Amino acid sequence: MTPQDARKYAPATERNREAILEVLLQVLPESGTILEIASGTGEHAVFFASKLRDYLWLPTDVNPQSRASIISWTEHNVCDNVYAPLELDVREPVWVVENGEFDWLNTKPIVAIVNINMIHISPWSACLGLMAGAGRILKAGGILYLYGPFKQGGEHTAASNAAFDEYLRTENPEWGVRSLDDVIAVARAQNLILQQIYQMPANNLSVVFQRST
């Protein structure tokens, strides 16, 4: 990398991006803006945007180094359907995309929210904030897509996930692999109804919710 190259790399991205894209192609509405929450390095953003040309991709992250990486990845890949990343904390009662600042959202509204590998490496309040924001922003038929490890029926789905959960809680007691039942219940309270669960690589899941009327 050059000194001006702020790109960061997440090894898991290359391993999961094709599988995630396959699901997104099945569940996304026909067109519009896709809001990505906690975009991290930006590798997913530029990859998905290059494959989903009928959509505008709006990345966000709370970390300024991550936002710099997203910008660098976008410049490196010349993605004309990826917007500059926004600073967004899901726990805020009003997200930046709700304040009327972005006129283009009136013509290209947010039709889907994508969140990859966040809720297990953040406090439970972040999951609550994500669901609340999705409930406010998405119109009827809008999609919320989650990817990551989850417990099912209160149990880990693999020994590797149990070990990962233990590691996360050692790093931060507020982190950890979440119970999918709990996530579904929180989503339902925001009129986000579970549509489909997909088995994914490395004992992860894709979980798709749709905003009800």
N, C-alpha and C. Protein backbone atom coordinates (compact mmCIF):
# COMPACT_ATOMS: atom_id res chain seq x y z
N MET A 1 0.84 -1.20 0.00
CA MET A 1 0.00 0.00 0.00
C MET A 1 0.87 1.25 0.00
N THR A 2 0.39 2.29 -0.64
CA THR A 2 1.07 3.58 -0.59
C THR A 2 0.74 4.25 0.74
N PRO A 3 1.52 5.29 1.13
CA PRO A 3 1.21 5.97 2.39
C PRO A 3 -0.21 6.54 2.44
N GLN A 4 -0.77 6.86 1.24
CA GLN A 4 -2.12 7.43 1.20
C GLN A 4 -3.20 6.34 1.16
N ASP A 5 -2.78 5.12 1.06
CA ASP A 5 -3.73 4.01 0.95
C ASP A 5 -4.15 3.57 2.35
N ALA A 6 -5.39 3.87 2.71
CA ALA A 6 -5.88 3.58 4.06
C ALA A 6 -6.67 2.28 4.11
N ARG A 7 -6.59 1.48 3.05
CA ARG A 7 -7.39 0.25 3.01
C ARG A 7 -6.99 -0.72 4.12
N LYS A 8 -8.02 -1.23 4.79
CA LYS A 8 -7.83 -2.31 5.76
C LYS A 8 -8.40 -3.59 5.16
N TYR A 9 -7.96 -4.71 5.72
CA TYR A 9 -8.34 -6.01 5.18
C TYR A 9 -8.93 -6.88 6.28
N ALA A 10 -10.03 -7.56 5.97
CA ALA A 10 -10.64 -8.53 6.87
C ALA A 10 -10.65 -9.88 6.16
N PRO A 11 -9.84 -10.84 6.60
CA PRO A 11 -9.73 -12.12 5.88
C PRO A 11 -11.06 -12.82 5.66
N ALA A 12 -12.00 -12.65 6.57
CA ALA A 12 -13.29 -13.34 6.43
C ALA A 12 -14.08 -12.85 5.23
N THR A 13 -13.80 -11.63 4.78
CA THR A 13 -14.59 -11.05 3.69
C THR A 13 -14.53 -11.91 2.44
N GLU A 14 -13.34 -12.29 2.01
CA GLU A 14 -13.22 -13.08 0.79
C GLU A 14 -13.84 -14.46 0.95
N ARG A 15 -13.90 -14.94 2.18
CA ARG A 15 -14.47 -16.26 2.42
C ARG A 15 -15.99 -16.26 2.38
N ASN A 16 -16.60 -15.13 2.76
CA ASN A 16 -18.07 -15.15 2.89
C ASN A 16 -18.81 -14.31 1.85
N ARG A 17 -18.12 -13.48 1.10
CA ARG A 17 -18.82 -12.50 0.28
C ARG A 17 -19.65 -13.13 -0.84
N GLU A 18 -19.14 -14.18 -1.46
CA GLU A 18 -19.91 -14.82 -2.54
C GLU A 18 -21.18 -15.46 -1.99
N ALA A 19 -21.07 -16.10 -0.83
CA ALA A 19 -22.24 -16.74 -0.23
C ALA A 19 -23.27 -15.70 0.20
N ILE A 20 -22.80 -14.59 0.75
CA ILE A 20 -23.72 -13.52 1.14
C ILE A 20 -24.40 -12.92 -0.10
N LEU A 21 -23.63 -12.69 -1.15
CA LEU A 21 -24.19 -12.13 -2.38
C LEU A 21 -25.30 -13.03 -2.92
N GLU A 22 -25.09 -14.32 -2.86
CA GLU A 22 -26.10 -15.26 -3.36
C GLU A 22 -27.43 -15.08 -2.63
N VAL A 23 -27.35 -14.84 -1.31
CA VAL A 23 -28.58 -14.61 -0.55
C VAL A 23 -29.18 -13.25 -0.88
N LEU A 24 -28.34 -12.22 -0.94
CA LEU A 24 -28.85 -10.88 -1.24
C LEU A 24 -29.57 -10.85 -2.57
N LEU A 25 -29.06 -11.54 -3.56
CA LEU A 25 -29.71 -11.57 -4.86
C LEU A 25 -31.10 -12.18 -4.79
N GLN A 26 -31.33 -13.02 -3.81
CA GLN A 26 -32.64 -13.66 -3.65
C GLN A 26 -33.63 -12.80 -2.88
N VAL A 27 -33.14 -11.96 -1.96
CA VAL A 27 -34.05 -11.32 -1.01
C VAL A 27 -34.20 -9.81 -1.18
N LEU A 28 -33.30 -9.15 -1.89
CA LEU A 28 -33.38 -7.69 -1.98
C LEU A 28 -34.57 -7.25 -2.83
N PRO A 29 -35.21 -6.12 -2.45
CA PRO A 29 -36.20 -5.52 -3.34
C PRO A 29 -35.54 -5.14 -4.67
N GLU A 30 -36.35 -4.72 -5.66
CA GLU A 30 -35.85 -4.58 -7.02
C GLU A 30 -34.78 -3.49 -7.17
N SER A 31 -34.91 -2.37 -6.48
CA SER A 31 -33.94 -1.29 -6.64
C SER A 31 -34.07 -0.35 -5.45
N GLY A 32 -33.14 0.58 -5.36
CA GLY A 32 -33.16 1.55 -4.27
C GLY A 32 -31.81 1.65 -3.60
N THR A 33 -31.80 2.20 -2.40
CA THR A 33 -30.57 2.37 -1.63
C THR A 33 -30.47 1.28 -0.57
N ILE A 34 -29.28 0.70 -0.47
CA ILE A 34 -28.99 -0.29 0.56
C ILE A 34 -28.11 0.38 1.60
N LEU A 35 -28.59 0.44 2.82
CA LEU A 35 -27.84 1.02 3.93
C LEU A 35 -27.08 -0.09 4.64
N GLU A 36 -25.75 0.01 4.63
CA GLU A 36 -24.95 -0.97 5.34
C GLU A 36 -24.52 -0.40 6.68
N ILE A 37 -24.86 -1.10 7.74
CA ILE A 37 -24.50 -0.69 9.09
C ILE A 37 -23.23 -1.42 9.51
N ALA A 38 -22.28 -0.68 10.07
CA ALA A 38 -21.01 -1.24 10.52
C ALA A 38 -20.26 -1.88 9.34
N SER A 39 -19.91 -1.04 8.37
CA SER A 39 -19.30 -1.53 7.14
C SER A 39 -17.86 -2.00 7.31
N GLY A 40 -17.22 -1.65 8.41
CA GLY A 40 -15.87 -2.14 8.68
C GLY A 40 -14.88 -1.66 7.65
N THR A 41 -14.15 -2.59 7.05
CA THR A 41 -13.08 -2.23 6.12
C THR A 41 -13.59 -1.59 4.83
N GLY A 42 -14.82 -1.90 4.44
CA GLY A 42 -15.35 -1.43 3.17
C GLY A 42 -15.23 -2.44 2.05
N GLU A 43 -14.61 -3.57 2.32
CA GLU A 43 -14.44 -4.60 1.29
C GLU A 43 -15.78 -5.16 0.82
N HIS A 44 -16.68 -5.40 1.76
CA HIS A 44 -18.00 -5.87 1.36
C HIS A 44 -18.71 -4.82 0.52
N ALA A 45 -18.61 -3.57 0.92
CA ALA A 45 -19.32 -2.50 0.21
C ALA A 45 -18.93 -2.45 -1.26
N VAL A 46 -17.64 -2.44 -1.55
CA VAL A 46 -17.22 -2.32 -2.95
C VAL A 46 -17.52 -3.59 -3.73
N PHE A 47 -17.44 -4.73 -3.07
CA PHE A 47 -17.74 -5.99 -3.77
C PHE A 47 -19.22 -6.07 -4.11
N PHE A 48 -20.09 -5.84 -3.13
CA PHE A 48 -21.52 -5.95 -3.38
C PHE A 48 -21.99 -4.88 -4.36
N ALA A 49 -21.48 -3.67 -4.22
CA ALA A 49 -21.89 -2.60 -5.12
C ALA A 49 -21.53 -2.92 -6.57
N SER A 50 -20.38 -3.56 -6.77
CA SER A 50 -19.96 -3.90 -8.13
C SER A 50 -20.84 -4.99 -8.74
N LYS A 51 -21.47 -5.78 -7.91
CA LYS A 51 -22.33 -6.87 -8.37
C LYS A 51 -23.81 -6.49 -8.40
N LEU A 52 -24.16 -5.45 -7.68
CA LEU A 52 -25.57 -5.04 -7.55
C LEU A 52 -25.72 -3.65 -8.15
N ARG A 53 -25.61 -3.56 -9.46
CA ARG A 53 -25.54 -2.27 -10.12
C ARG A 53 -26.87 -1.51 -10.13
N ASP A 54 -27.96 -2.17 -9.83
CA ASP A 54 -29.26 -1.49 -9.79
C ASP A 54 -29.51 -0.79 -8.46
N TYR A 55 -28.54 -0.86 -7.57
CA TYR A 55 -28.71 -0.29 -6.23
C TYR A 55 -27.64 0.76 -5.96
N LEU A 56 -27.95 1.64 -5.02
CA LEU A 56 -26.95 2.53 -4.44
C LEU A 56 -26.58 1.97 -3.08
N TRP A 57 -25.28 1.94 -2.79
CA TRP A 57 -24.80 1.35 -1.55
C TRP A 57 -24.31 2.47 -0.63
N LEU A 58 -24.87 2.52 0.57
CA LEU A 58 -24.53 3.58 1.52
C LEU A 58 -23.87 2.96 2.75
N PRO A 59 -22.53 2.99 2.82
CA PRO A 59 -21.83 2.40 3.96
C PRO A 59 -21.79 3.35 5.16
N THR A 60 -21.70 2.77 6.35
CA THR A 60 -21.58 3.56 7.58
C THR A 60 -20.65 2.84 8.54
N ASP A 61 -20.07 3.61 9.45
CA ASP A 61 -19.29 3.02 10.54
C ASP A 61 -19.03 4.09 11.59
N VAL A 62 -18.93 3.67 12.84
CA VAL A 62 -18.63 4.62 13.91
C VAL A 62 -17.14 4.93 14.00
N ASN A 63 -16.31 4.06 13.43
CA ASN A 63 -14.86 4.17 13.57
C ASN A 63 -14.28 5.00 12.42
N PRO A 64 -13.57 6.11 12.73
CA PRO A 64 -13.03 6.93 11.65
C PRO A 64 -11.99 6.21 10.79
N GLN A 65 -11.24 5.28 11.37
CA GLN A 65 -10.27 4.52 10.58
C GLN A 65 -10.99 3.60 9.59
N SER A 66 -12.11 3.05 10.02
CA SER A 66 -12.90 2.23 9.11
C SER A 66 -13.48 3.08 7.98
N ARG A 67 -13.95 4.27 8.29
CA ARG A 67 -14.49 5.13 7.24
C ARG A 67 -13.40 5.52 6.25
N ALA A 68 -12.19 5.75 6.75
CA ALA A 68 -11.07 6.05 5.84
C ALA A 68 -10.77 4.85 4.95
N SER A 69 -10.86 3.66 5.50
CA SER A 69 -10.64 2.45 4.71
C SER A 69 -11.72 2.30 3.64
N ILE A 70 -12.96 2.58 3.99
CA ILE A 70 -14.05 2.48 3.02
C ILE A 70 -13.82 3.44 1.86
N ILE A 71 -13.43 4.67 2.18
CA ILE A 71 -13.16 5.66 1.13
C ILE A 71 -12.03 5.17 0.23
N SER A 72 -10.99 4.63 0.84
CA SER A 72 -9.83 4.17 0.07
C SER A 72 -10.21 2.99 -0.83
N TRP A 73 -10.99 2.06 -0.31
CA TRP A 73 -11.44 0.94 -1.13
C TRP A 73 -12.30 1.41 -2.28
N THR A 74 -13.17 2.39 -2.02
CA THR A 74 -14.05 2.92 -3.06
C THR A 74 -13.24 3.60 -4.16
N GLU A 75 -12.24 4.37 -3.77
CA GLU A 75 -11.38 5.03 -4.76
C GLU A 75 -10.58 4.01 -5.56
N HIS A 76 -10.10 3.00 -4.87
CA HIS A 76 -9.29 1.98 -5.53
C HIS A 76 -10.10 1.19 -6.56
N ASN A 77 -11.39 0.98 -6.26
CA ASN A 77 -12.23 0.17 -7.14
C ASN A 77 -13.13 1.00 -8.05
N VAL A 78 -13.07 2.31 -7.92
CA VAL A 78 -13.86 3.22 -8.74
C VAL A 78 -15.33 2.79 -8.78
N CYS A 79 -15.94 2.74 -7.61
CA CYS A 79 -17.34 2.32 -7.50
C CYS A 79 -18.23 3.56 -7.53
N ASP A 80 -18.96 3.74 -8.63
CA ASP A 80 -19.77 4.95 -8.75
C ASP A 80 -21.14 4.81 -8.11
N ASN A 81 -21.46 3.64 -7.60
CA ASN A 81 -22.74 3.48 -6.90
C ASN A 81 -22.53 3.24 -5.40
N VAL A 82 -21.37 3.64 -4.89
CA VAL A 82 -21.11 3.61 -3.44
C VAL A 82 -20.96 5.05 -2.95
N TYR A 83 -21.75 5.43 -1.98
CA TYR A 83 -21.65 6.77 -1.41
C TYR A 83 -20.54 6.84 -0.38
N ALA A 84 -20.10 8.04 -0.10
CA ALA A 84 -19.11 8.25 0.95
C ALA A 84 -19.69 7.74 2.27
N PRO A 85 -18.87 7.09 3.09
CA PRO A 85 -19.39 6.51 4.33
C PRO A 85 -19.84 7.58 5.32
N LEU A 86 -20.87 7.26 6.06
CA LEU A 86 -21.39 8.14 7.10
C LEU A 86 -21.00 7.62 8.47
N GLU A 87 -20.83 8.53 9.41
CA GLU A 87 -20.67 8.14 10.81
C GLU A 87 -22.05 7.87 11.37
N LEU A 88 -22.26 6.65 11.84
CA LEU A 88 -23.58 6.28 12.34
C LEU A 88 -23.43 5.30 13.49
N ASP A 89 -24.02 5.66 14.61
CA ASP A 89 -24.09 4.79 15.78
C ASP A 89 -25.53 4.34 15.92
N VAL A 90 -25.77 3.05 15.80
CA VAL A 90 -27.15 2.54 15.79
C VAL A 90 -27.89 2.85 17.08
N ARG A 91 -27.16 3.15 18.15
CA ARG A 91 -27.81 3.41 19.44
C ARG A 91 -28.39 4.81 19.53
N GLU A 92 -28.07 5.67 18.56
CA GLU A 92 -28.65 7.02 18.56
C GLU A 92 -30.16 6.95 18.27
N PRO A 93 -30.94 7.80 18.93
CA PRO A 93 -32.39 7.74 18.74
C PRO A 93 -32.84 8.17 17.35
N VAL A 94 -32.02 8.98 16.68
CA VAL A 94 -32.29 9.40 15.30
C VAL A 94 -31.01 9.20 14.51
N TRP A 95 -31.07 8.42 13.46
CA TRP A 95 -29.89 8.18 12.63
C TRP A 95 -29.70 9.34 11.65
N VAL A 96 -28.48 9.51 11.21
CA VAL A 96 -28.14 10.63 10.33
C VAL A 96 -28.96 10.58 9.04
N VAL A 97 -29.33 9.41 8.58
CA VAL A 97 -30.10 9.30 7.33
C VAL A 97 -31.57 9.69 7.52
N GLU A 98 -31.95 9.97 8.76
CA GLU A 98 -33.34 10.36 9.04
C GLU A 98 -33.52 11.86 9.16
N ASN A 99 -32.44 12.63 9.09
CA ASN A 99 -32.55 14.06 9.41
C ASN A 99 -32.88 14.94 8.21
N GLY A 100 -33.15 14.35 7.05
CA GLY A 100 -33.54 15.12 5.87
C GLY A 100 -32.40 15.76 5.13
N GLU A 101 -31.17 15.46 5.52
CA GLU A 101 -30.00 16.09 4.91
C GLU A 101 -29.73 15.57 3.51
N PHE A 102 -30.16 14.36 3.21
CA PHE A 102 -29.79 13.71 1.96
C PHE A 102 -31.02 13.64 1.04
N ASP A 103 -31.13 14.64 0.16
CA ASP A 103 -32.30 14.75 -0.71
C ASP A 103 -32.46 13.54 -1.62
N TRP A 104 -31.34 12.95 -2.03
CA TRP A 104 -31.42 11.84 -2.99
C TRP A 104 -32.14 10.63 -2.40
N LEU A 105 -32.24 10.57 -1.06
CA LEU A 105 -32.97 9.46 -0.46
C LEU A 105 -34.47 9.54 -0.73
N ASN A 106 -34.93 10.72 -1.17
CA ASN A 106 -36.34 10.84 -1.52
C ASN A 106 -36.64 10.12 -2.83
N THR A 107 -35.67 10.11 -3.74
CA THR A 107 -35.87 9.44 -5.02
C THR A 107 -35.31 8.02 -5.03
N LYS A 108 -34.32 7.77 -4.20
CA LYS A 108 -33.74 6.43 -4.07
C LYS A 108 -33.80 6.03 -2.59
N PRO A 109 -34.99 5.74 -2.08
CA PRO A 109 -35.15 5.48 -0.65
C PRO A 109 -34.44 4.21 -0.22
N ILE A 110 -34.19 4.11 1.07
CA ILE A 110 -33.57 2.93 1.65
C ILE A 110 -34.58 1.79 1.63
N VAL A 111 -34.25 0.74 0.87
CA VAL A 111 -35.16 -0.40 0.74
C VAL A 111 -34.65 -1.62 1.50
N ALA A 112 -33.39 -1.55 1.93
CA ALA A 112 -32.80 -2.67 2.67
C ALA A 112 -31.70 -2.16 3.57
N ILE A 113 -31.52 -2.83 4.69
CA ILE A 113 -30.43 -2.58 5.63
C ILE A 113 -29.65 -3.87 5.77
N VAL A 114 -28.34 -3.78 5.60
CA VAL A 114 -27.46 -4.94 5.66
C VAL A 114 -26.50 -4.75 6.84
N ASN A 115 -26.38 -5.78 7.66
CA ASN A 115 -25.54 -5.71 8.84
C ASN A 115 -24.80 -7.04 8.98
N ILE A 116 -23.48 -6.99 8.77
CA ILE A 116 -22.66 -8.20 8.73
C ILE A 116 -21.70 -8.21 9.91
N ASN A 117 -21.76 -9.26 10.70
CA ASN A 117 -20.80 -9.47 11.79
C ASN A 117 -20.68 -8.27 12.73
N MET A 118 -21.82 -7.82 13.26
CA MET A 118 -21.77 -6.72 14.22
C MET A 118 -22.31 -7.09 15.59
N ILE A 119 -23.49 -7.70 15.64
CA ILE A 119 -24.18 -7.73 16.93
C ILE A 119 -23.49 -8.61 17.97
N HIS A 120 -22.58 -9.49 17.55
CA HIS A 120 -21.85 -10.29 18.53
C HIS A 120 -20.59 -9.59 19.02
N ILE A 121 -20.15 -8.55 18.33
CA ILE A 121 -18.97 -7.80 18.80
C ILE A 121 -19.37 -6.37 19.15
N SER A 122 -20.52 -6.25 19.77
CA SER A 122 -21.02 -4.98 20.27
C SER A 122 -21.98 -5.28 21.41
N PRO A 123 -22.28 -4.29 22.24
CA PRO A 123 -23.22 -4.52 23.34
C PRO A 123 -24.62 -4.87 22.81
N TRP A 124 -25.40 -5.50 23.62
CA TRP A 124 -26.77 -5.84 23.24
C TRP A 124 -27.56 -4.59 22.85
N SER A 125 -27.20 -3.45 23.45
CA SER A 125 -27.88 -2.20 23.11
C SER A 125 -27.73 -1.86 21.63
N ALA A 126 -26.64 -2.33 20.99
CA ALA A 126 -26.47 -2.08 19.56
C ALA A 126 -27.49 -2.87 18.75
N CYS A 127 -27.79 -4.09 19.17
CA CYS A 127 -28.83 -4.87 18.49
C CYS A 127 -30.18 -4.20 18.67
N LEU A 128 -30.46 -3.73 19.86
CA LEU A 128 -31.72 -3.04 20.11
C LEU A 128 -31.82 -1.79 19.24
N GLY A 129 -30.72 -1.04 19.14
CA GLY A 129 -30.70 0.17 18.33
C GLY A 129 -30.86 -0.13 16.85
N LEU A 130 -30.22 -1.20 16.40
CA LEU A 130 -30.34 -1.60 15.00
C LEU A 130 -31.79 -1.90 14.65
N MET A 131 -32.46 -2.66 15.50
CA MET A 131 -33.85 -3.02 15.23
C MET A 131 -34.75 -1.80 15.27
N ALA A 132 -34.52 -0.92 16.23
CA ALA A 132 -35.34 0.28 16.33
C ALA A 132 -35.18 1.16 15.09
N GLY A 133 -33.92 1.32 14.64
CA GLY A 133 -33.68 2.13 13.46
C GLY A 133 -34.27 1.52 12.21
N ALA A 134 -34.14 0.21 12.07
CA ALA A 134 -34.72 -0.48 10.91
C ALA A 134 -36.24 -0.34 10.92
N GLY A 135 -36.82 -0.43 12.11
CA GLY A 135 -38.27 -0.28 12.21
C GLY A 135 -38.74 1.12 11.82
N ARG A 136 -37.92 2.13 12.11
CA ARG A 136 -38.28 3.50 11.75
C ARG A 136 -38.09 3.77 10.26
N ILE A 137 -37.01 3.26 9.69
CA ILE A 137 -36.58 3.67 8.35
C ILE A 137 -37.22 2.85 7.25
N LEU A 138 -37.30 1.54 7.43
CA LEU A 138 -37.79 0.69 6.36
C LEU A 138 -39.31 0.85 6.20
N LYS A 139 -39.72 0.93 4.95
CA LYS A 139 -41.15 0.92 4.63
C LYS A 139 -41.62 -0.52 4.52
N ALA A 140 -42.92 -0.69 4.38
CA ALA A 140 -43.48 -2.04 4.25
C ALA A 140 -42.79 -2.77 3.10
N GLY A 141 -42.34 -3.98 3.36
CA GLY A 141 -41.64 -4.77 2.36
C GLY A 141 -40.14 -4.61 2.40
N GLY A 142 -39.64 -3.63 3.14
CA GLY A 142 -38.20 -3.43 3.26
C GLY A 142 -37.53 -4.60 3.97
N ILE A 143 -36.25 -4.80 3.67
CA ILE A 143 -35.53 -5.97 4.15
C ILE A 143 -34.41 -5.57 5.12
N LEU A 144 -34.32 -6.32 6.20
CA LEU A 144 -33.17 -6.25 7.10
C LEU A 144 -32.43 -7.58 7.00
N TYR A 145 -31.15 -7.51 6.63
CA TYR A 145 -30.34 -8.71 6.46
C TYR A 145 -29.24 -8.73 7.52
N LEU A 146 -29.15 -9.81 8.27
CA LEU A 146 -28.10 -10.01 9.27
C LEU A 146 -27.25 -11.22 8.89
N TYR A 147 -25.96 -11.11 9.18
CA TYR A 147 -25.05 -12.24 8.97
C TYR A 147 -24.16 -12.38 10.19
N GLY A 148 -23.95 -13.61 10.63
CA GLY A 148 -23.04 -13.86 11.72
C GLY A 148 -23.36 -15.16 12.43
N PRO A 149 -22.67 -15.45 13.53
CA PRO A 149 -22.97 -16.64 14.32
C PRO A 149 -24.13 -16.37 15.28
N PHE A 150 -24.95 -17.37 15.51
CA PHE A 150 -26.07 -17.24 16.44
C PHE A 150 -26.25 -18.56 17.18
N LYS A 151 -26.77 -18.46 18.40
CA LYS A 151 -27.28 -19.64 19.08
C LYS A 151 -28.67 -19.94 18.53
N GLN A 152 -29.00 -21.21 18.44
CA GLN A 152 -30.34 -21.61 18.05
C GLN A 152 -30.90 -22.55 19.11
N GLY A 153 -32.13 -22.28 19.53
CA GLY A 153 -32.71 -23.06 20.62
C GLY A 153 -31.91 -22.93 21.90
N GLY A 154 -31.24 -21.80 22.07
CA GLY A 154 -30.45 -21.56 23.27
C GLY A 154 -29.09 -22.23 23.28
N GLU A 155 -28.75 -22.93 22.20
CA GLU A 155 -27.50 -23.69 22.15
C GLU A 155 -26.63 -23.22 20.99
N HIS A 156 -25.32 -23.32 21.19
CA HIS A 156 -24.40 -23.04 20.10
C HIS A 156 -24.56 -24.10 19.01
N THR A 157 -24.37 -23.70 17.77
CA THR A 157 -24.55 -24.61 16.65
C THR A 157 -23.27 -25.37 16.31
N ALA A 158 -22.15 -25.00 16.94
CA ALA A 158 -20.88 -25.68 16.69
C ALA A 158 -19.92 -25.39 17.84
N ALA A 159 -19.01 -26.30 18.09
CA ALA A 159 -18.02 -26.11 19.15
C ALA A 159 -17.18 -24.86 18.88
N SER A 160 -16.92 -24.58 17.61
CA SER A 160 -16.12 -23.40 17.28
C SER A 160 -16.86 -22.12 17.67
N ASN A 161 -18.19 -22.11 17.54
CA ASN A 161 -18.95 -20.93 17.95
C ASN A 161 -18.94 -20.77 19.47
N ALA A 162 -18.99 -21.88 20.19
CA ALA A 162 -18.93 -21.81 21.66
C ALA A 162 -17.59 -21.24 22.10
N ALA A 163 -16.52 -21.68 21.46
CA ALA A 163 -15.19 -21.15 21.79
C ALA A 163 -15.08 -19.68 21.42
N PHE A 164 -15.66 -19.31 20.29
CA PHE A 164 -15.65 -17.91 19.87
C PHE A 164 -16.42 -17.05 20.84
N ASP A 165 -17.56 -17.55 21.30
CA ASP A 165 -18.37 -16.83 22.28
C ASP A 165 -17.57 -16.59 23.56
N GLU A 166 -16.88 -17.60 24.03
CA GLU A 166 -16.07 -17.47 25.24
C GLU A 166 -14.97 -16.43 25.05
N TYR A 167 -14.34 -16.47 23.88
CA TYR A 167 -13.29 -15.49 23.57
C TYR A 167 -13.85 -14.07 23.57
N LEU A 168 -15.01 -13.88 22.92
CA LEU A 168 -15.61 -12.55 22.85
C LEU A 168 -15.92 -12.01 24.24
N ARG A 169 -16.47 -12.86 25.10
CA ARG A 169 -16.86 -12.40 26.43
C ARG A 169 -15.64 -12.11 27.30
N THR A 170 -14.52 -12.76 26.97
CA THR A 170 -13.27 -12.44 27.66
C THR A 170 -12.78 -11.07 27.23
N GLU A 171 -12.94 -10.78 25.95
CA GLU A 171 -12.52 -9.47 25.42
C GLU A 171 -13.39 -8.35 25.98
N ASN A 172 -14.70 -8.61 26.05
CA ASN A 172 -15.64 -7.60 26.55
C ASN A 172 -16.89 -8.34 27.05
N PRO A 173 -17.21 -8.22 28.33
CA PRO A 173 -18.35 -8.95 28.88
C PRO A 173 -19.68 -8.61 28.21
N GLU A 174 -19.75 -7.48 27.52
CA GLU A 174 -20.99 -7.08 26.84
C GLU A 174 -21.11 -7.69 25.45
N TRP A 175 -20.07 -8.35 24.98
CA TRP A 175 -20.10 -8.99 23.67
C TRP A 175 -20.55 -10.44 23.82
N GLY A 176 -20.74 -11.10 22.69
CA GLY A 176 -21.05 -12.53 22.72
C GLY A 176 -21.99 -12.95 21.60
N VAL A 177 -21.94 -14.22 21.26
CA VAL A 177 -22.84 -14.78 20.26
C VAL A 177 -24.27 -14.72 20.80
N ARG A 178 -25.16 -14.15 20.03
CA ARG A 178 -26.53 -13.89 20.51
C ARG A 178 -27.46 -15.07 20.24
N SER A 179 -28.48 -15.15 21.06
CA SER A 179 -29.55 -16.11 20.83
C SER A 179 -30.42 -15.61 19.69
N LEU A 180 -30.59 -16.43 18.68
CA LEU A 180 -31.42 -16.02 17.55
C LEU A 180 -32.87 -15.79 17.99
N ASP A 181 -33.35 -16.56 18.94
CA ASP A 181 -34.71 -16.34 19.45
C ASP A 181 -34.86 -14.94 20.03
N ASP A 182 -33.85 -14.48 20.76
CA ASP A 182 -33.90 -13.13 21.34
C ASP A 182 -33.89 -12.08 20.25
N VAL A 183 -33.06 -12.27 19.23
CA VAL A 183 -32.97 -11.31 18.13
C VAL A 183 -34.30 -11.25 17.37
N ILE A 184 -34.90 -12.40 17.13
CA ILE A 184 -36.17 -12.44 16.42
C ILE A 184 -37.26 -11.72 17.22
N ALA A 185 -37.25 -11.90 18.54
CA ALA A 185 -38.25 -11.25 19.40
C ALA A 185 -38.10 -9.73 19.36
N VAL A 186 -36.86 -9.25 19.42
CA VAL A 186 -36.62 -7.81 19.36
C VAL A 186 -37.05 -7.25 18.01
N ALA A 187 -36.75 -7.99 16.95
CA ALA A 187 -37.15 -7.55 15.61
C ALA A 187 -38.67 -7.47 15.50
N ARG A 188 -39.35 -8.49 15.99
CA ARG A 188 -40.81 -8.53 15.91
C ARG A 188 -41.43 -7.32 16.59
N ALA A 189 -40.83 -6.88 17.68
CA ALA A 189 -41.35 -5.71 18.40
C ALA A 189 -41.27 -4.44 17.56
N GLN A 190 -40.43 -4.47 16.53
CA GLN A 190 -40.29 -3.32 15.62
C GLN A 190 -40.95 -3.59 14.27
N ASN A 191 -41.87 -4.55 14.24
CA ASN A 191 -42.61 -4.90 13.01
C ASN A 191 -41.70 -5.46 11.92
N LEU A 192 -40.63 -6.12 12.34
CA LEU A 192 -39.71 -6.79 11.43
C LEU A 192 -39.93 -8.29 11.59
N ILE A 193 -40.44 -8.93 10.56
CA ILE A 193 -40.88 -10.31 10.65
C ILE A 193 -39.86 -11.23 9.98
N LEU A 194 -39.48 -12.28 10.70
CA LEU A 194 -38.53 -13.24 10.15
C LEU A 194 -39.07 -13.87 8.88
N GLN A 195 -38.26 -13.83 7.81
CA GLN A 195 -38.64 -14.42 6.53
C GLN A 195 -37.91 -15.72 6.23
N GLN A 196 -36.61 -15.74 6.51
CA GLN A 196 -35.82 -16.89 6.10
C GLN A 196 -34.51 -16.93 6.88
N ILE A 197 -34.04 -18.15 7.15
CA ILE A 197 -32.72 -18.38 7.74
C ILE A 197 -31.93 -19.25 6.77
N TYR A 198 -30.73 -18.81 6.45
CA TYR A 198 -29.87 -19.56 5.52
C TYR A 198 -28.62 -20.02 6.26
N GLN A 199 -28.26 -21.27 6.08
CA GLN A 199 -26.99 -21.77 6.60
C GLN A 199 -25.85 -21.24 5.74
N MET A 200 -24.81 -20.74 6.39
CA MET A 200 -23.72 -20.09 5.68
C MET A 200 -22.38 -20.72 6.06
N PRO A 201 -21.30 -20.33 5.39
CA PRO A 201 -19.98 -20.91 5.70
C PRO A 201 -19.56 -20.67 7.15
N ALA A 202 -18.72 -21.56 7.66
CA ALA A 202 -18.09 -21.42 8.98
C ALA A 202 -19.11 -21.28 10.11
N ASN A 203 -20.22 -22.01 10.00
CA ASN A 203 -21.24 -22.04 11.06
C ASN A 203 -21.89 -20.69 11.33
N ASN A 204 -21.99 -19.88 10.30
CA ASN A 204 -22.71 -18.62 10.39
C ASN A 204 -24.10 -18.78 9.78
N LEU A 205 -24.93 -17.77 9.99
CA LEU A 205 -26.28 -17.75 9.43
C LEU A 205 -26.53 -16.43 8.71
N SER A 206 -27.33 -16.49 7.67
CA SER A 206 -27.96 -15.29 7.12
C SER A 206 -29.39 -15.29 7.64
N VAL A 207 -29.80 -14.18 8.24
CA VAL A 207 -31.13 -14.06 8.81
C VAL A 207 -31.82 -12.87 8.15
N VAL A 208 -32.96 -13.12 7.53
CA VAL A 208 -33.64 -12.11 6.74
C VAL A 208 -34.98 -11.76 7.37
N PHE A 209 -35.16 -10.47 7.64
CA PHE A 209 -36.42 -9.94 8.16
C PHE A 209 -37.05 -9.03 7.11
N GLN A 210 -38.38 -8.93 7.17
CA GLN A 210 -39.08 -8.00 6.30
C GLN A 210 -40.00 -7.10 7.11
N ARG A 211 -40.00 -5.82 6.78
CA ARG A 211 -40.86 -4.87 7.49
C ARG A 211 -42.31 -5.13 7.09
N SER A 212 -43.14 -5.35 8.10
CA SER A 212 -44.55 -5.59 7.84
C SER A 212 -45.26 -4.27 7.61
N THR A 213 -46.53 -4.33 7.24
CA THR A 213 -47.29 -3.10 6.96
C THR A 213 -47.59 -2.37 8.27
